[in-house]
Amino acid sequence: MLLALISWIFNEFQFLLYYPVTTNLLFLIFFGYSLYQPQNIIEKFARLKEGNLTPSTIKYTRKVTICWCLLFILNGSIALITCFINDMYWWTIYNGLISYIFTGLLMGGEWIVRQKLKH
């Protein structure tokens, strides 16, 4: 909402291009902050589904949370670069396609690893 308001006030749509950067930054803060809490965010999700977790599962959830933080850093950095190069083609290709592929690969890869670790 803040980016939309700033874009409207200054009559410049380019501020809206920073939406993916802002989203990744907010997710990084949220997930990163959870690493300093008694339960990280992935552990909380796992507890919703599984209930009690083993110590090894808790360690695994911490590693997964760190992986997500790394994705948000990489994804947000590349999104920021696409804003700086000011080319709508590359901004759209990365932020509208490639970033979703990266996210899907992490989600799918983590699911596969989790299934192998369960069995």
C-alpha atoms as a PDB file:
ATOM      1  CA  MET A   1       0.000   0.000   0.000  1.00  0.00           C
ATOM      2  CA  LEU A   2       2.849   2.355   0.820  1.00  0.00           C
ATOM      3  CA  LEU A   3       4.434   1.864  -2.610  1.00  0.00           C
ATOM      4  CA  ALA A   4       1.067   2.487  -4.292  1.00  0.00           C
ATOM      5  CA  LEU A   5       0.591   5.658  -2.255  1.00  0.00           C
ATOM      6  CA  ILE A   6       4.089   6.919  -3.076  1.00  0.00           C
ATOM      7  CA  SER A   7       3.532   6.128  -6.764  1.00  0.00           C
ATOM      8  CA  TRP A   8       0.257   8.022  -6.726  1.00  0.00           C
ATOM      9  CA  ILE A   9       1.700  11.056  -4.877  1.00  0.00           C
ATOM     10  CA  PHE A  10       4.699  11.375  -7.192  1.00  0.00           C
ATOM     11  CA  ASN A  11       2.797  10.200 -10.277  1.00  0.00           C
ATOM     12  CA  GLU A  12       5.568   7.679 -11.005  1.00  0.00           C
ATOM     13  CA  PHE A  13       4.660   4.036 -11.580  1.00  0.00           C
ATOM     14  CA  GLN A  14       8.316   2.987 -11.164  1.00  0.00           C
ATOM     15  CA  PHE A  15       7.883   2.867  -7.376  1.00  0.00           C
ATOM     16  CA  LEU A  16       5.549  -0.082  -7.891  1.00  0.00           C
ATOM     17  CA  LEU A  17       8.415  -2.011  -9.468  1.00  0.00           C
ATOM     18  CA  TYR A  18       9.912  -2.298  -5.977  1.00  0.00           C
ATOM     19  CA  TYR A  19       7.004  -4.434  -4.778  1.00  0.00           C
ATOM     20  CA  PRO A  20       8.910  -7.758  -5.197  1.00  0.00           C
ATOM     21  CA  VAL A  21      11.920  -6.264  -3.404  1.00  0.00           C
ATOM     22  CA  THR A  22       9.739  -5.129  -0.516  1.00  0.00           C
ATOM     23  CA  THR A  23       7.936  -8.469  -0.339  1.00  0.00           C
ATOM     24  CA  ASN A  24      11.200 -10.419  -0.185  1.00  0.00           C
ATOM     25  CA  LEU A  25      12.577  -8.034   2.431  1.00  0.00           C
ATOM     26  CA  LEU A  26       9.494  -8.427   4.624  1.00  0.00           C
ATOM     27  CA  PHE A  27       9.587 -12.227   4.322  1.00  0.00           C
ATOM     28  CA  LEU A  28      13.318 -12.183   5.122  1.00  0.00           C
ATOM     29  CA  ILE A  29      12.671 -10.120   8.247  1.00  0.00           C
ATOM     30  CA  PHE A  30       9.782 -12.371   9.308  1.00  0.00           C
ATOM     31  CA  PHE A  31      11.607 -15.665   8.719  1.00  0.00           C
ATOM     32  CA  GLY A  32      14.959 -14.329   9.962  1.00  0.00           C
ATOM     33  CA  TYR A  33      13.442 -12.946  13.154  1.00  0.00           C
ATOM     34  CA  SER A  34      11.845 -16.324  13.828  1.00  0.00           C
ATOM     35  CA  LEU A  35      15.326 -17.887  13.968  1.00  0.00           C
ATOM     36  CA  TYR A  36      15.882 -15.980  17.220  1.00  0.00           C
ATOM     37  CA  GLN A  37      12.628 -17.200  18.763  1.00  0.00           C
ATOM     38  CA  PRO A  38      12.058 -20.455  20.668  1.00  0.00           C
ATOM     39  CA  GLN A  39      10.279 -21.820  17.571  1.00  0.00           C
ATOM     40  CA  ASN A  40      11.155 -20.708  14.052  1.00  0.00           C
ATOM     41  CA  ILE A  41       8.366 -20.213  11.522  1.00  0.00           C
ATOM     42  CA  ILE A  42       8.884 -23.549   9.728  1.00  0.00           C
ATOM     43  CA  GLU A  43       8.852 -25.355  13.068  1.00  0.00           C
ATOM     44  CA  LYS A  44       5.527 -23.703  13.868  1.00  0.00           C
ATOM     45  CA  PHE A  45       4.110 -24.889  10.545  1.00  0.00           C
ATOM     46  CA  ALA A  46       5.450 -28.402  11.169  1.00  0.00           C
ATOM     47  CA  ARG A  47       3.904 -28.498  14.639  1.00  0.00           C
ATOM     48  CA  LEU A  48       0.524 -27.583  13.173  1.00  0.00           C
ATOM     49  CA  LYS A  49       0.662 -30.694  11.001  1.00  0.00           C
ATOM     50  CA  GLU A  50       2.707 -33.146  13.071  1.00  0.00           C
ATOM     51  CA  GLY A  51       2.209 -32.071  16.692  1.00  0.00           C
ATOM     52  CA  ASN A  52       5.314 -33.052  18.655  1.00  0.00           C
ATOM     53  CA  LEU A  53       8.643 -32.919  16.862  1.00  0.00           C
ATOM     54  CA  THR A  54      11.858 -34.805  17.486  1.00  0.00           C
ATOM     55  CA  PRO A  55      15.066 -32.839  18.176  1.00  0.00           C
ATOM     56  CA  SER A  56      16.385 -33.812  14.720  1.00  0.00           C
ATOM     57  CA  THR A  57      13.187 -32.535  13.104  1.00  0.00           C
ATOM     58  CA  ILE A  58      13.537 -29.239  14.972  1.00  0.00           C
ATOM     59  CA  LYS A  59      17.117 -28.901  13.646  1.00  0.00           C
ATOM     60  CA  TYR A  60      15.828 -29.665  10.155  1.00  0.00           C
ATOM     61  CA  THR A  61      13.138 -26.954  10.403  1.00  0.00           C
ATOM     62  CA  ARG A  62      15.832 -24.472  11.386  1.00  0.00           C
ATOM     63  CA  LYS A  63      17.879 -25.392   8.308  1.00  0.00           C
ATOM     64  CA  VAL A  64      14.806 -25.033   6.106  1.00  0.00           C
ATOM     65  CA  THR A  65      14.100 -21.602   7.601  1.00  0.00           C
ATOM     66  CA  ILE A  66      17.681 -20.577   6.809  1.00  0.00           C
ATOM     67  CA  CYS A  67      17.239 -21.853   3.224  1.00  0.00           C
ATOM     68  CA  TRP A  68      14.148 -19.689   2.849  1.00  0.00           C
ATOM     69  CA  CYS A  69      16.056 -16.685   4.195  1.00  0.00           C
ATOM     70  CA  LEU A  70      18.777 -17.286   1.607  1.00  0.00           C
ATOM     71  CA  LEU A  71      16.140 -17.504  -1.132  1.00  0.00           C
ATOM     72  CA  PHE A  72      14.632 -14.189  -0.003  1.00  0.00           C
ATOM     73  CA  ILE A  73      18.075 -12.552  -0.041  1.00  0.00           C
ATOM     74  CA  LEU A  74      18.880 -13.879  -3.527  1.00  0.00           C
ATOM     75  CA  ASN A  75      15.413 -13.255  -4.929  1.00  0.00           C
ATOM     76  CA  GLY A  76      15.164  -9.758  -3.446  1.00  0.00           C
ATOM     77  CA  SER A  77      18.643  -8.831  -4.669  1.00  0.00           C
ATOM     78  CA  ILE A  78      17.925  -9.909  -8.229  1.00  0.00           C
ATOM     79  CA  ALA A  79      14.541  -8.147  -8.095  1.00  0.00           C
ATOM     80  CA  LEU A  80      16.356  -4.973  -6.987  1.00  0.00           C
ATOM     81  CA  ILE A  81      18.816  -5.295  -9.868  1.00  0.00           C
ATOM     82  CA  THR A  82      15.886  -5.579 -12.304  1.00  0.00           C
ATOM     83  CA  CYS A  83      14.564  -2.305 -10.877  1.00  0.00           C
ATOM     84  CA  PHE A  84      17.907  -0.585 -11.347  1.00  0.00           C
ATOM     85  CA  ILE A  85      18.395  -1.692 -14.951  1.00  0.00           C
ATOM     86  CA  ASN A  86      14.986  -0.146 -15.701  1.00  0.00           C
ATOM     87  CA  ASP A  87      14.025  -2.594 -18.435  1.00  0.00           C
ATOM     88  CA  MET A  88      10.422  -3.785 -18.195  1.00  0.00           C
ATOM     89  CA  TYR A  89      11.135  -6.895 -20.249  1.00  0.00           C
ATOM     90  CA  TRP A  90      13.755  -8.218 -17.797  1.00  0.00           C
ATOM     91  CA  TRP A  91      11.807  -7.007 -14.766  1.00  0.00           C
ATOM     92  CA  THR A  92       8.733  -8.911 -15.969  1.00  0.00           C
ATOM     93  CA  ILE A  93      10.643 -12.064 -16.956  1.00  0.00           C
ATOM     94  CA  TYR A  94      12.405 -12.283 -13.600  1.00  0.00           C
ATOM     95  CA  ASN A  95       9.703 -11.077 -11.217  1.00  0.00           C
ATOM     96  CA  GLY A  96       6.810 -12.624 -13.095  1.00  0.00           C
ATOM     97  CA  LEU A  97       8.346 -15.980 -13.988  1.00  0.00           C
ATOM     98  CA  ILE A  98      11.856 -16.854 -12.867  1.00  0.00           C
ATOM     99  CA  SER A  99      11.394 -15.875  -9.215  1.00  0.00           C
ATOM    100  CA  TYR A 100       8.323 -18.112  -9.037  1.00  0.00           C
ATOM    101  CA  ILE A 101      10.293 -20.974 -10.566  1.00  0.00           C
ATOM    102  CA  PHE A 102      13.007 -20.528  -7.899  1.00  0.00           C
ATOM    103  CA  THR A 103      10.370 -20.514  -5.159  1.00  0.00           C
ATOM    104  CA  GLY A 104       8.670 -23.588  -6.590  1.00  0.00           C
ATOM    105  CA  LEU A 105      11.990 -25.411  -6.880  1.00  0.00           C
ATOM    106  CA  LEU A 106      12.766 -24.719  -3.230  1.00  0.00           C
ATOM    107  CA  MET A 107       9.294 -25.820  -2.144  1.00  0.00           C
ATOM    108  CA  GLY A 108       9.385 -28.969  -4.276  1.00  0.00           C
ATOM    109  CA  GLY A 109      12.973 -29.813  -3.401  1.00  0.00           C
ATOM    110  CA  GLU A 110      12.329 -29.409   0.307  1.00  0.00           C
ATOM    111  CA  TRP A 111       9.229 -31.606   0.054  1.00  0.00           C
ATOM    112  CA  ILE A 112      11.252 -34.347  -1.663  1.00  0.00           C
ATOM    113  CA  VAL A 113      14.012 -34.148   0.957  1.00  0.00           C
ATOM    114  CA  ARG A 114      11.430 -34.227   3.771  1.00  0.00           C
ATOM    115  CA  GLN A 115       9.766 -37.333   2.306  1.00  0.00           C
ATOM    116  CA  LYS A 116      13.134 -39.106   2.064  1.00  0.00           C
ATOM    117  CA  LEU A 117      14.019 -38.171   5.634  1.00  0.00           C
ATOM    118  CA  LYS A 118      10.684 -39.464   6.919  1.00  0.00           C
ATOM    119  CA  HIS A 119      11.286 -42.916   5.422  1.00  0.00           C
END
